[in-house]
């Protein structure tokens, strides 16, 4: 039943464990003879899974997380109700390295909308619930914490008791990533400073799986539905494994949940545009060559080759020593052994959900590191109708910054799930230069239909809370996305909670954000950006707050006027002070 199993799982099942554990992604989901898998099914399969010595956690929409012994995966695929099985992928933070930049200054009159009555969910590394950004009058602003590591759920009362007892160990945020994201989106100095916060802690390390993220989204959405509140869900983690066309089970699940209840899912576009991880080969009637450099000390390398299903060609792989390996055209798994490494290649086919198919190359060192130097992939056409081939380097590679394609292409570098159609995908821009950040992922998606990101927000040198009560400067789409998450919460308060627009969620809210960004694509002095990028900034000034102007020299100045300069909380009008110069 290979047609029901995704290509990476098939390859992972074929690669010996002693080699598989050397890779960044192939071993994700495996532990002690049991695989955790993402499954889509047409009807209840609890009985069938149980009979296979497995267990299932049912999610919304006919998706589930199945734990099952390795030897029973094929029998699971043969089950009538199972539509497709996908291996979890690793996820990484979308953080690389102020609110003044976005004209959302906290230290002024807070009489306007602040996300009150709306949940802001942060699916991330946890939170420092003792940080003053999340406490008001000794009480927490966190509605609930779900710790996926322990399976424990902590209520608001539990958190308040922990604060009163100086108990800092309900959960920890070792990386600080979740604390920073939550602070920008909904802290006391954040955007939606009156919202209630839902926290899902995914794990203890810096890399999580797509299965864990799906479970976290499921929890947050069900909590909001049970409490009859709208919710804005922030996802500031992602990966680059997949066709980037929105068709994986992970992506389609995220799309599905955006269509139920009063919610919005906001995802960072990733930070891989300048990492040389993507390139394009245009294949016609003659052979083409693609080069990539492997730097020193790379523990494994994975190359994804994605093509249209109807294009036929075969490839050869050449290592820096000049050894060549011809990969047959037909579907299957092929293994090669050089003097220095194992090379596993899976030639796949189209899934039921996509007309793209994959050739996955996994390079595993025989000893410690992959051979450094220039590698080549030769493409030999057989039957070509489209000829557009995308390649990505996936996994936790590029440890030294040396690894990458020699002819890299920064487009189509959105990380997954920002490629999901219905999410709000957020890029990052530099508020000092008003330019799109060079690291920020960008589209289109592989299907060439969906243009991403949908909107951009400040993402360079953002002041964000950090565990221990302090603050740090952070950059990346990780901190750009929560600006939009907070903005979404404010719009949902204005529309749903206050009754101005009961349908202010989903595609309607996304359209509102984009429309206002296009119409108001200018700094506070009324001058328009020269870029045609859609920026969030200067769109969501709250009633009663002062605003800023930018001088010709690029310096920021607080306006001295106190007269409101807008019609509503989401429509900016300038005042006479905005035209002042240095």
Protein backbone atom coordinates (compact mmCIF):
# COMPACT_ATOMS: atom_id res chain seq x y z
CA UNK A 1 0.00 0.00 0.00
CA UNK A 2 2.83 2.40 -0.83
CA UNK A 3 0.35 4.74 -2.54
CA UNK A 4 -1.04 5.66 0.89
CA UNK A 5 2.35 6.37 2.49
CA UNK A 6 4.40 9.52 1.89
CA UNK A 7 7.85 9.33 0.37
CA UNK A 8 9.90 10.33 3.40
CA UNK A 9 8.27 7.66 5.56
CA UNK A 10 8.92 5.00 2.92
CA UNK A 11 12.57 6.00 2.79
CA UNK A 12 12.83 6.18 6.59
CA UNK A 13 11.43 2.65 6.88
CA UNK A 14 14.00 1.38 4.37
CA UNK A 15 17.11 3.06 5.81
CA UNK A 16 18.78 1.02 8.60
CA UNK A 17 18.27 2.55 12.03
CA UNK A 18 22.00 2.99 12.65
CA UNK A 19 22.12 5.22 9.57
CA UNK A 20 18.71 6.83 10.03
CA UNK A 21 19.56 8.26 13.45
CA UNK A 22 22.41 10.23 11.86
CA UNK A 23 19.98 12.33 9.84
CA UNK A 24 18.11 15.44 10.88
CA UNK A 25 14.61 14.45 9.79
CA UNK A 26 14.32 10.76 8.86
CA UNK A 27 14.16 9.66 12.51
CA UNK A 28 11.54 12.23 13.58
CA UNK A 29 8.50 10.39 14.89
CA UNK A 30 10.34 7.18 15.84
CA UNK A 31 11.03 5.95 19.37
CA UNK A 32 11.75 2.44 20.67
CA UNK A 33 10.21 0.52 17.79
CA UNK A 34 7.09 2.72 17.59
CA UNK A 35 6.29 5.37 14.98
CA UNK A 36 4.03 8.36 15.56
CA UNK A 37 2.34 9.13 12.25
CA UNK A 38 -0.09 11.71 10.87
CA UNK A 39 -3.11 9.94 9.39
CA UNK A 40 -6.09 11.18 7.44
CA UNK A 41 -9.10 8.88 7.52
CA UNK A 42 -12.63 8.73 6.17
CA UNK A 43 -14.33 7.13 9.18
CA UNK A 44 -13.53 6.03 12.73
CA UNK A 45 -10.49 3.74 12.77
CA UNK A 46 -10.00 3.40 16.53
CA UNK A 47 -10.84 -0.33 16.48
CA UNK A 48 -8.51 -1.08 13.59
CA UNK A 49 -5.63 0.86 15.16
CA UNK A 50 -6.13 -0.86 18.51
CA UNK A 51 -6.07 -4.28 16.84
CA UNK A 52 -2.69 -3.34 15.37
CA UNK A 53 -1.33 -2.65 18.88
CA UNK A 54 -1.52 1.06 18.23
CA UNK A 55 -3.26 4.11 19.65
CA UNK A 56 -4.79 7.19 18.07
CA UNK A 57 -5.35 10.77 19.19
CA UNK A 58 -8.21 12.05 17.07
CA UNK A 59 -7.98 15.63 15.85
CA UNK A 60 -10.54 17.79 14.15
CA UNK A 61 -11.53 17.14 10.56
CA UNK A 62 -10.69 13.45 10.13
CA UNK A 63 -7.03 13.84 11.04
CA UNK A 64 -5.32 11.83 13.74
CA UNK A 65 -1.97 11.07 15.34
CA UNK A 66 -1.34 7.33 15.38
CA UNK A 67 1.33 5.54 17.42
CA UNK A 68 1.99 2.11 15.97
CA UNK A 69 4.77 -0.51 15.88
CA UNK A 70 6.97 -0.43 12.81
CA UNK A 71 5.91 -3.87 11.64
CA UNK A 72 2.22 -2.88 11.47
CA UNK A 73 2.47 0.26 9.34
CA UNK A 74 1.76 -1.58 6.09
CA UNK A 75 -1.35 -3.18 7.64
CA UNK A 76 -2.47 0.28 8.81
CA UNK A 77 -2.18 1.51 5.22
CA UNK A 78 -4.34 -1.41 4.08
CA UNK A 79 -7.18 -0.32 6.40
CA UNK A 80 -10.16 0.86 4.32
CA UNK A 81 -10.73 3.99 6.36
CA UNK A 82 -7.14 5.23 6.07
CA UNK A 83 -6.71 7.73 3.23
CA UNK A 84 -3.06 8.71 3.63
CA UNK A 85 -0.18 8.40 6.10
CA UNK A 86 2.48 11.08 6.59
CA UNK A 87 5.63 11.04 8.69
CA UNK A 88 6.06 13.97 11.09
CA UNK A 89 8.72 16.52 10.10
CA UNK A 90 10.94 18.53 12.38
CA UNK A 91 10.01 22.15 13.01
CA UNK A 92 12.37 24.99 13.76
CA UNK A 93 11.93 28.43 15.27
CA UNK A 94 11.43 31.26 12.81
CA UNK A 95 13.62 33.54 14.92
CA UNK A 96 17.00 34.73 13.73
CA UNK A 97 18.62 36.87 15.96
CA UNK A 98 9.44 47.78 18.22
CA UNK A 99 6.60 48.48 18.61
CA UNK A 100 7.64 52.05 17.86
CA UNK A 101 8.34 50.85 14.34
CA UNK A 102 4.71 49.86 13.90
CA UNK A 103 3.23 52.94 15.59
CA UNK A 104 1.85 50.75 18.39
CA UNK A 105 3.36 52.53 21.38
CA UNK A 106 2.26 50.98 24.69
CA UNK A 107 3.16 53.77 27.07
CA UNK A 108 0.26 56.04 26.22
CA UNK A 109 -3.47 56.10 26.76
CA UNK A 110 -4.86 52.58 26.41
CA UNK A 111 -8.51 53.46 26.03
CA UNK A 112 -8.97 51.73 22.71
CA UNK A 113 -9.22 48.15 21.50
CA UNK A 114 -6.66 45.77 22.94
CA UNK A 115 -8.06 42.35 22.08
CA UNK A 116 -10.37 42.11 25.11
CA UNK A 117 -12.67 39.09 24.91
CA UNK A 118 -10.39 37.36 22.38
CA UNK A 119 -7.93 34.52 22.90
CA UNK A 120 -4.40 34.77 21.57
CA UNK A 121 -2.89 31.29 21.30
CA UNK A 122 0.88 30.84 21.18
CA UNK A 123 1.91 27.35 20.03
CA UNK A 124 5.60 27.38 20.87
CA UNK A 125 8.30 26.58 23.43
CA UNK A 126 6.33 27.57 26.52
CA UNK A 127 6.27 30.82 28.49
CA UNK A 128 7.75 32.49 31.54
CA UNK A 129 4.45 33.02 33.33
CA UNK A 130 6.29 35.07 35.99
CA UNK A 131 7.32 37.71 33.46
CA UNK A 132 5.65 41.07 34.30
CA UNK A 133 4.39 41.29 30.71
CA UNK A 134 1.82 38.60 31.55
CA UNK A 135 0.71 39.71 35.03
CA UNK A 136 -1.75 42.47 35.99
CA UNK A 137 -2.30 43.30 39.67
CA UNK A 138 -0.67 40.05 40.71
CA UNK A 139 -2.96 37.94 38.48
CA UNK A 140 -2.03 36.12 35.31
CA UNK A 141 -3.36 37.03 31.89
CA UNK A 142 -2.84 33.42 30.77
CA UNK A 143 -6.13 31.54 30.46
CA UNK A 144 -4.60 28.07 30.18
CA UNK A 145 -1.29 26.29 29.60
CA UNK A 146 -1.09 22.89 27.90
CA UNK A 147 2.25 21.18 28.36
CA UNK A 148 2.56 18.52 25.66
CA UNK A 149 5.72 17.18 27.29
CA UNK A 150 3.85 16.02 30.41
CA UNK A 151 0.29 16.08 29.11
CA UNK A 152 -0.66 18.44 31.96
CA UNK A 153 -3.17 21.25 31.58
CA UNK A 154 -2.83 24.24 33.94
CA UNK A 155 -5.82 26.51 34.47
CA UNK A 156 -5.74 30.22 35.22
CA UNK A 157 -6.26 29.32 38.89
CA UNK A 158 -3.29 26.94 38.81
CA UNK A 159 -1.09 29.68 37.36
CA UNK A 160 -2.29 32.30 39.87
CA UNK A 161 -1.58 29.90 42.72
CA UNK A 162 1.91 29.25 41.36
CA UNK A 163 2.57 33.00 41.20
CA UNK A 164 1.30 33.49 44.76
CA UNK A 165 3.48 30.61 46.00
CA UNK A 166 6.52 31.72 43.97
CA UNK A 167 6.42 28.39 42.13
CA UNK A 168 8.25 28.94 38.85
CA UNK A 169 8.29 25.33 37.76
CA UNK A 170 4.86 24.53 36.33
CA UNK A 171 6.56 24.79 32.96
CA UNK A 172 9.81 26.28 31.71
CA UNK A 173 10.70 28.11 28.53
CA UNK A 174 14.33 27.15 28.09
CA UNK A 175 14.82 28.87 24.73
CA UNK A 176 12.79 32.00 25.48
CA UNK A 177 11.23 31.81 22.01
CA UNK A 178 7.64 31.32 23.20
CA UNK A 179 7.96 34.06 25.83
CA UNK A 180 9.15 36.54 23.20
CA UNK A 181 6.42 35.61 20.73
CA UNK A 182 3.67 35.81 23.37
CA UNK A 183 4.99 39.16 24.59
CA UNK A 184 4.91 40.78 21.15
CA UNK A 185 1.44 39.43 20.36
CA UNK A 186 -0.30 39.88 23.68
CA UNK A 187 1.97 41.00 26.52
CA UNK A 188 1.23 44.08 28.61
CA UNK A 189 3.59 45.91 26.27
CA UNK A 190 2.41 43.96 23.26
CA UNK A 191 -0.22 44.53 20.60
CA UNK A 192 -3.31 42.79 22.01
CA UNK A 193 -2.54 43.78 25.59
CA UNK A 194 -6.08 43.08 26.86
CA UNK A 195 -6.49 39.62 25.37
CA UNK A 196 -6.37 36.33 27.25
CA UNK A 197 -3.47 34.07 26.34
CA UNK A 198 -3.52 30.35 25.54
CA UNK A 199 -0.10 28.71 25.76
CA UNK A 200 0.83 25.35 24.28
CA UNK A 201 4.32 24.11 25.12
CA UNK A 202 5.48 21.77 22.34
CA UNK A 203 8.65 20.33 23.79
CA UNK A 204 11.89 20.81 25.67
CA UNK A 205 14.30 21.33 22.81
CA UNK A 206 14.50 23.76 19.92
CA UNK A 207 13.05 21.41 17.33
CA UNK A 208 9.54 20.01 17.37
CA UNK A 209 7.49 17.85 15.05
CA UNK A 210 4.54 18.67 12.83
CA UNK A 211 2.48 16.16 14.83
CA UNK A 212 3.07 18.12 18.03
CA UNK A 213 2.05 21.37 16.35
CA UNK A 214 -1.16 19.83 15.01
CA UNK A 215 -2.03 18.60 18.50
CA UNK A 216 -1.36 22.07 19.92
CA UNK A 217 -3.58 23.81 17.39
CA UNK A 218 -6.31 21.25 18.07
CA UNK A 219 -6.16 21.97 21.81
CA UNK A 220 -6.23 25.75 21.43
CA UNK A 221 -9.14 25.75 19.01
CA UNK A 222 -11.23 23.35 21.08
CA UNK A 223 -10.58 25.47 24.20
CA UNK A 224 -11.81 28.59 22.38
CA UNK A 225 -14.90 26.78 21.09
CA UNK A 226 -15.73 25.44 24.56
CA UNK A 227 -15.50 28.96 25.99
CA UNK A 228 -17.33 30.60 23.07
CA UNK A 229 -14.59 33.10 22.26
CA UNK A 230 -12.86 34.06 19.02
CA UNK A 231 -9.21 33.14 18.78
CA UNK A 232 -6.07 34.23 16.92
CA UNK A 233 -3.50 31.41 16.72
CA UNK A 234 0.18 32.27 16.29
CA UNK A 235 2.64 29.82 14.68
CA UNK A 236 6.23 31.04 14.61
CA UNK A 237 7.84 27.71 13.75
CA UNK A 238 8.15 25.84 10.47
CA UNK A 239 10.26 23.72 8.15
CA UNK A 240 11.08 23.50 4.47
CA UNK A 241 10.38 19.81 3.82
CA UNK A 242 7.66 19.24 1.25
CA UNK A 243 6.39 20.36 -2.12
CA UNK A 244 5.56 23.84 -0.81
CA UNK A 245 2.21 23.62 -2.57
CA UNK A 246 -0.06 23.35 0.47
CA UNK A 247 -1.02 19.71 -0.11
CA UNK A 248 0.69 17.77 2.71
CA UNK A 249 -1.53 16.46 5.52
CA UNK A 250 0.12 18.96 7.83
CA UNK A 251 -0.74 21.88 5.55
CA UNK A 252 -4.26 20.72 4.72
CA UNK A 253 -5.02 20.22 8.42
CA UNK A 254 -3.94 23.79 9.18
CA UNK A 255 -6.13 24.97 6.30
CA UNK A 256 -9.05 22.93 7.59
CA UNK A 257 -8.99 24.43 11.08
CA UNK A 258 -9.07 27.96 9.65
CA UNK A 259 -12.53 27.19 8.27
CA UNK A 260 -14.16 26.27 11.57
CA UNK A 261 -15.16 28.50 14.42
CA UNK A 262 -14.18 32.19 14.70
CA UNK A 263 -10.46 31.96 14.30
CA UNK A 264 -7.41 33.06 12.38
CA UNK A 265 -4.12 31.23 12.04
CA UNK A 266 -1.08 33.47 11.58
CA UNK A 267 2.22 31.93 10.44
CA UNK A 268 5.70 33.36 9.97
CA UNK A 269 7.07 33.05 6.43
CA UNK A 270 10.41 31.67 7.63
CA UNK A 271 13.94 33.02 7.48
CA UNK A 272 15.45 31.08 4.61
CA UNK A 273 15.33 33.46 1.64
CA UNK A 274 19.03 34.27 1.92
CA UNK A 275 20.20 30.81 3.05
CA UNK A 276 20.78 29.36 -0.43
CA UNK A 277 18.49 26.41 0.31
CA UNK A 278 16.36 26.65 -2.84
CA UNK A 279 17.08 26.59 -6.55
CA UNK A 280 15.25 25.91 -9.80
CA UNK A 281 16.22 23.78 -12.79
CA UNK A 282 14.48 24.33 -16.12
CA UNK A 283 14.63 21.07 -18.08
CA UNK A 284 13.77 20.89 -21.78
CA UNK A 285 15.30 18.64 -24.40
CA UNK A 286 18.86 18.70 -23.13
CA UNK A 287 20.56 17.75 -19.89
CA UNK A 288 21.03 20.26 -17.09
CA UNK A 289 23.33 20.36 -14.08
CA UNK A 290 22.75 21.64 -10.55
CA UNK A 291 25.58 22.30 -8.08
CA UNK A 292 25.50 22.54 -4.33
CA UNK A 293 28.31 23.08 -1.87
CA UNK A 294 28.58 21.05 1.31
CA UNK A 295 30.48 22.89 4.02
CA UNK A 296 32.60 21.37 6.72
CA UNK A 297 31.06 19.45 9.60
CA UNK A 298 27.67 18.66 8.08
CA UNK A 299 26.30 15.56 9.77
CA UNK A 300 23.79 14.78 7.01
CA UNK A 301 22.32 16.37 3.90
CA UNK A 302 18.84 15.94 2.42
CA UNK A 303 18.01 17.20 -1.06
CA UNK A 304 14.38 17.38 -2.16
CA UNK A 305 13.67 17.41 -5.89
CA UNK A 306 10.06 18.25 -6.73
CA UNK A 307 8.65 17.98 -10.24
CA UNK A 308 5.34 17.66 -12.02
CA UNK A 309 4.22 14.04 -12.03
CA UNK A 310 4.03 13.90 -15.81
CA UNK A 311 7.67 14.91 -16.35
CA UNK A 312 10.05 11.94 -16.73
CA UNK A 313 13.81 12.16 -16.35
CA UNK A 314 16.60 10.44 -14.54
CA UNK A 315 19.45 11.85 -12.49
CA UNK A 316 23.08 11.24 -11.67
CA UNK A 317 24.74 12.31 -8.44
CA UNK A 318 28.43 13.20 -8.32
CA UNK A 319 30.34 13.70 -5.07
CA UNK A 320 33.39 15.97 -4.64
CA UNK A 321 35.69 12.99 -5.33
CA UNK A 322 34.19 12.59 -8.82
CA UNK A 323 32.29 9.38 -8.01
CA UNK A 324 29.02 9.20 -9.98
CA UNK A 325 25.82 7.33 -9.20
CA UNK A 326 23.07 6.91 -11.80
CA UNK A 327 19.56 6.78 -10.33
CA UNK A 328 17.01 4.86 -12.40
CA UNK A 329 13.93 6.68 -13.62
CA UNK A 330 11.41 4.28 -12.16
CA UNK A 331 9.74 4.60 -8.78
CA UNK A 332 11.54 2.93 -5.89
CA UNK A 333 14.30 3.18 -3.29
CA UNK A 334 17.94 3.05 -4.39
CA UNK A 335 21.05 2.79 -2.25
CA UNK A 336 24.62 3.72 -3.17
CA UNK A 337 27.80 3.42 -1.15
CA UNK A 338 30.81 5.61 -1.86
CA UNK A 339 34.12 5.62 -0.09
CA UNK A 340 32.82 8.20 2.39
CA UNK A 341 29.03 8.08 2.62
CA UNK A 342 25.77 6.25 2.04
CA UNK A 343 23.42 7.80 -0.51
CA UNK A 344 19.75 6.81 -0.33
CA UNK A 345 17.38 7.95 -3.07
CA UNK A 346 13.62 7.58 -3.12
CA UNK A 347 11.94 8.18 -6.50
CA UNK A 348 8.32 8.80 -5.66
CA UNK A 349 5.02 9.38 -7.35
CA UNK A 350 2.17 11.83 -6.95
CA UNK A 351 0.03 11.61 -3.80
CA UNK A 352 -3.80 11.67 -3.92
CA UNK A 353 -3.61 15.37 -3.06
CA UNK A 354 -0.95 16.76 -5.41
CA UNK A 355 0.28 16.49 -8.99
CA UNK A 356 3.83 17.10 -7.78
CA UNK A 357 6.09 14.13 -7.11
CA UNK A 358 9.40 13.88 -5.28
CA UNK A 359 12.89 12.53 -5.62
CA UNK A 360 14.40 12.54 -2.14
CA UNK A 361 18.19 12.25 -1.75
CA UNK A 362 19.55 11.52 1.71
CA UNK A 363 23.35 11.69 2.14
CA UNK A 364 24.59 10.02 5.32
CA UNK A 365 28.30 9.95 6.23
CA UNK A 366 29.99 6.62 6.75
CA UNK A 367 31.85 8.16 9.68
CA UNK A 368 30.99 11.57 11.17
CA UNK A 369 30.58 14.21 8.46
CA UNK A 370 29.45 14.41 4.86
CA UNK A 371 32.30 14.97 2.40
CA UNK A 372 32.71 18.71 1.95
CA UNK A 373 33.09 20.35 -1.44
CA UNK A 374 31.06 20.71 -4.63
CA UNK A 375 28.39 18.10 -5.35
CA UNK A 376 26.53 17.87 -8.65
CA UNK A 377 23.17 16.54 -9.77
CA UNK A 378 22.78 15.93 -13.52
CA UNK A 379 19.28 15.87 -15.01
CA UNK A 380 18.68 13.85 -18.20
CA UNK A 381 15.28 14.43 -19.88
CA UNK A 382 13.11 11.61 -21.13
CA UNK A 383 9.59 12.99 -21.52
CA UNK A 384 9.22 16.63 -20.48
CA UNK A 385 5.98 18.63 -20.62
CA UNK A 386 6.53 21.23 -17.91
CA UNK A 387 10.20 21.03 -16.97
CA UNK A 388 10.11 23.29 -13.91
CA UNK A 389 11.98 21.50 -11.15
CA UNK A 390 12.40 22.88 -7.63
CA UNK A 391 15.14 21.73 -5.26
CA UNK A 392 15.42 22.37 -1.54
CA UNK A 393 18.07 21.48 1.02
CA UNK A 394 16.09 20.36 4.04
CA UNK A 395 16.80 19.49 7.63
CA UNK A 396 19.07 21.20 10.14
CA UNK A 397 21.89 21.73 7.72
CA UNK A 398 24.09 24.71 6.99
CA UNK A 399 25.76 24.57 10.39
CA UNK A 400 28.70 26.62 9.15
CA UNK A 401 26.83 28.81 6.68
CA UNK A 402 28.86 27.30 3.85
CA UNK A 403 26.31 24.78 2.58
CA UNK A 404 23.94 25.79 -0.19
CA UNK A 405 23.18 25.85 -3.91
CA UNK A 406 25.68 27.73 -6.06
CA UNK A 407 22.80 29.19 -8.10
CA UNK A 408 20.29 29.73 -5.31
CA UNK A 409 16.87 31.31 -5.90
CA UNK A 410 15.31 33.29 -2.98
CA UNK A 411 11.73 32.86 -4.23
CA UNK A 412 9.61 29.91 -3.08
CA UNK A 413 11.45 29.89 0.25
CA UNK A 414 8.36 30.02 2.44
CA UNK A 415 8.57 27.53 5.25
CA UNK A 416 5.72 25.12 5.88
CA UNK A 417 2.92 25.67 7.09
CA UNK A 418 3.09 29.28 5.87
CA UNK A 419 2.37 27.73 2.45
CA UNK A 420 -1.13 26.75 3.59
CA UNK A 421 -3.66 28.65 1.53
CA UNK A 422 -5.95 30.07 4.20
CA UNK A 423 -3.45 31.06 6.87
CA UNK A 424 -2.21 34.63 7.14
CA UNK A 425 1.44 34.36 6.10
CA UNK A 426 3.63 37.08 7.55
CA UNK A 427 6.94 38.31 6.19
CA UNK A 428 9.38 40.55 8.04
CA UNK A 429 10.57 44.04 7.17
CA UNK A 430 13.14 46.40 8.61
CA UNK A 431 11.34 49.33 10.21
CA UNK A 432 14.43 51.54 10.01
CA UNK A 433 14.95 51.18 6.27
CA UNK A 434 11.36 50.27 5.29
CA UNK A 435 12.67 47.40 3.24
CA UNK A 436 11.76 43.75 3.13
CA UNK A 437 14.19 41.80 5.28
CA UNK A 438 16.60 39.78 3.10
CA UNK A 439 16.14 36.67 5.24
CA UNK A 440 12.34 36.72 5.12
CA UNK A 441 10.72 33.87 3.13
CA UNK A 442 8.80 34.77 0.01
CA UNK A 443 6.64 33.12 -2.66
CA UNK A 444 4.97 32.07 -4.74
CA UNK A 445 4.09 28.65 -3.47
CA UNK A 446 5.05 25.74 -5.71
CA UNK A 447 1.58 25.66 -7.29
CA UNK A 448 2.21 29.19 -8.61
CA UNK A 449 -1.34 30.16 -7.58
CA UNK A 450 -0.96 31.50 -4.08
CA UNK A 451 1.16 34.63 -3.65
CA UNK A 452 2.84 34.79 -0.25
CA UNK A 453 3.45 36.38 2.18
CA UNK A 454 0.05 37.96 2.61
CA UNK A 455 1.38 40.84 4.69
CA UNK A 456 4.59 42.02 6.34
CA UNK A 457 5.30 43.34 9.82
CA UNK A 458 8.31 44.56 11.81
CA UNK A 459 10.86 41.77 12.14
CA UNK A 460 14.29 43.33 12.70
CA UNK A 461 15.63 44.28 16.15
CA UNK A 462 12.33 43.96 17.97
CA UNK A 463 12.29 44.42 21.74
CA UNK A 464 10.66 41.31 23.17
CA UNK A 465 10.30 39.83 26.68
CA UNK A 466 12.69 37.11 27.72
CA UNK A 467 12.56 34.57 30.58
CA UNK A 468 13.73 36.04 33.85
CA UNK A 469 11.81 39.30 33.57
CA UNK A 470 13.98 41.11 31.05
CA UNK A 471 13.87 41.97 27.37
CA UNK A 472 16.03 41.28 24.32
CA UNK A 473 16.27 42.37 20.71
CA UNK A 474 15.05 39.71 18.31
CA UNK A 475 14.75 39.45 14.54
CA UNK A 476 12.95 37.08 12.22
CA UNK A 477 9.48 36.24 11.06
CA UNK A 478 8.97 34.70 14.52
CA UNK A 479 8.52 38.20 15.90
CA UNK A 480 6.83 39.61 12.79
CA UNK A 481 3.97 37.08 12.94
CA UNK A 482 2.82 37.99 16.49
CA UNK A 483 2.38 41.63 15.42
CA UNK A 484 -0.25 40.39 12.99
CA UNK A 485 -1.66 37.93 15.54
CA UNK A 486 -2.19 40.80 17.96
CA UNK A 487 -3.68 42.92 15.17
CA UNK A 488 -6.07 40.07 14.31
CA UNK A 489 -7.18 39.90 17.95
CA UNK A 490 -7.85 43.65 17.95
CA UNK A 491 -9.93 43.38 14.79
CA UNK A 492 -11.86 40.44 16.24
CA UNK A 493 -12.61 42.44 19.37
CA UNK A 494 -13.78 45.39 17.30
CA UNK A 495 -15.84 43.20 14.98
CA UNK A 496 -17.09 40.16 16.93
CA UNK A 497 -16.93 41.15 20.61
CA UNK A 498 -18.17 44.73 20.11
CA UNK A 499 -20.61 43.82 17.37
CA UNK A 500 -19.28 45.94 14.51
CA UNK A 501 -18.72 42.94 12.21
CA UNK A 502 -19.68 39.47 13.43
CA UNK A 503 -17.80 37.87 10.53
CA UNK A 504 -14.43 39.45 11.29
CA UNK A 505 -12.42 36.24 11.05
CA UNK A 506 -11.03 33.87 8.44
CA UNK A 507 -10.64 35.15 4.90
CA UNK A 508 -12.66 38.26 5.71
CA UNK A 509 -10.16 39.36 8.36
CA UNK A 510 -7.22 38.53 6.11
CA UNK A 511 -8.75 40.62 3.34
CA UNK A 512 -9.32 43.50 5.76
CA UNK A 513 -5.69 43.50 6.86
CA UNK A 514 -4.42 43.38 3.28
CA UNK A 515 -6.86 46.03 2.06
CA UNK A 516 -5.92 48.50 4.78
CA UNK A 517 -2.22 47.81 4.29
CA UNK A 518 -2.46 48.53 0.57
CA UNK A 519 -4.55 51.66 1.08
CA UNK A 520 -2.38 52.97 3.89
CA UNK A 521 1.04 51.83 2.73
CA UNK A 522 2.83 54.85 4.11
CA UNK A 523 4.70 55.94 7.19
CA UNK A 524 3.07 58.24 9.69
CA UNK A 525 4.01 61.40 7.77
CA UNK A 526 1.80 60.34 4.88
CA UNK A 527 4.64 59.50 2.49
CA UNK A 528 4.19 56.20 0.67
CA UNK A 529 6.73 53.40 0.69
CA UNK A 530 8.49 52.94 -2.60
CA UNK A 531 8.11 49.17 -2.28
CA UNK A 532 4.87 47.49 -3.35
CA UNK A 533 5.10 45.10 -0.41
CA UNK A 534 2.01 45.11 1.80
CA UNK A 535 3.11 46.31 5.27
CA UNK A 536 1.16 45.97 8.46
CA UNK A 537 2.66 49.00 10.10
CA UNK A 538 0.70 52.10 10.77
CA UNK A 539 -2.55 50.32 10.21
CA UNK A 540 -3.77 49.43 13.67
CA UNK A 541 -3.34 52.51 15.80
CA UNK A 542 -5.65 52.34 18.79
CA UNK A 543 -8.08 55.06 19.80
CA UNK A 544 -6.46 57.61 22.07
CA UNK A 545 -2.89 56.59 21.33
CA UNK A 546 -0.33 59.01 20.11
CA UNK A 547 1.43 58.37 16.86
CA UNK A 548 4.83 58.91 15.37
CA UNK A 549 6.32 60.61 12.40
CA UNK A 550 9.51 59.78 10.60
CA UNK A 551 11.80 62.57 9.53
CA UNK A 552 13.76 62.77 6.31
CA UNK A 553 16.82 61.68 8.22
CA UNK A 554 15.07 58.48 9.24
CA UNK A 555 14.61 59.34 12.92
CA UNK A 556 11.41 58.65 14.81
CA UNK A 557 9.61 61.40 16.77
CA UNK A 558 6.47 61.20 18.88
CA UNK A 559 3.80 63.56 17.67
CA UNK A 560 2.85 66.21 20.18
CA UNK A 561 -0.78 66.50 19.20
CA UNK A 562 -3.48 64.78 21.26
CA UNK A 563 -6.27 65.08 18.73
CA UNK A 564 -7.50 61.74 17.34
CA UNK A 565 -6.38 61.41 13.74
CA UNK A 566 -8.49 58.56 12.43
CA UNK A 567 -12.08 57.57 11.90
CA UNK A 568 -11.90 54.12 13.45
CA UNK A 569 -9.31 51.96 15.16
CA UNK A 570 -8.16 50.63 11.83
CA UNK A 571 -8.17 53.71 9.63
CA UNK A 572 -5.32 56.20 9.94
CA UNK A 573 -5.66 59.90 9.39
CA UNK A 574 -2.63 62.14 9.71
CA UNK A 575 -2.43 65.36 11.67
CA UNK A 576 -0.55 68.58 10.99
CA UNK A 577 2.34 67.55 13.22
CA UNK A 578 3.09 64.58 10.94
CA UNK A 579 4.43 66.90 8.28
CA UNK A 580 7.04 68.50 10.56
CA UNK A 581 10.69 67.98 9.68
CA UNK A 582 13.87 67.97 11.76
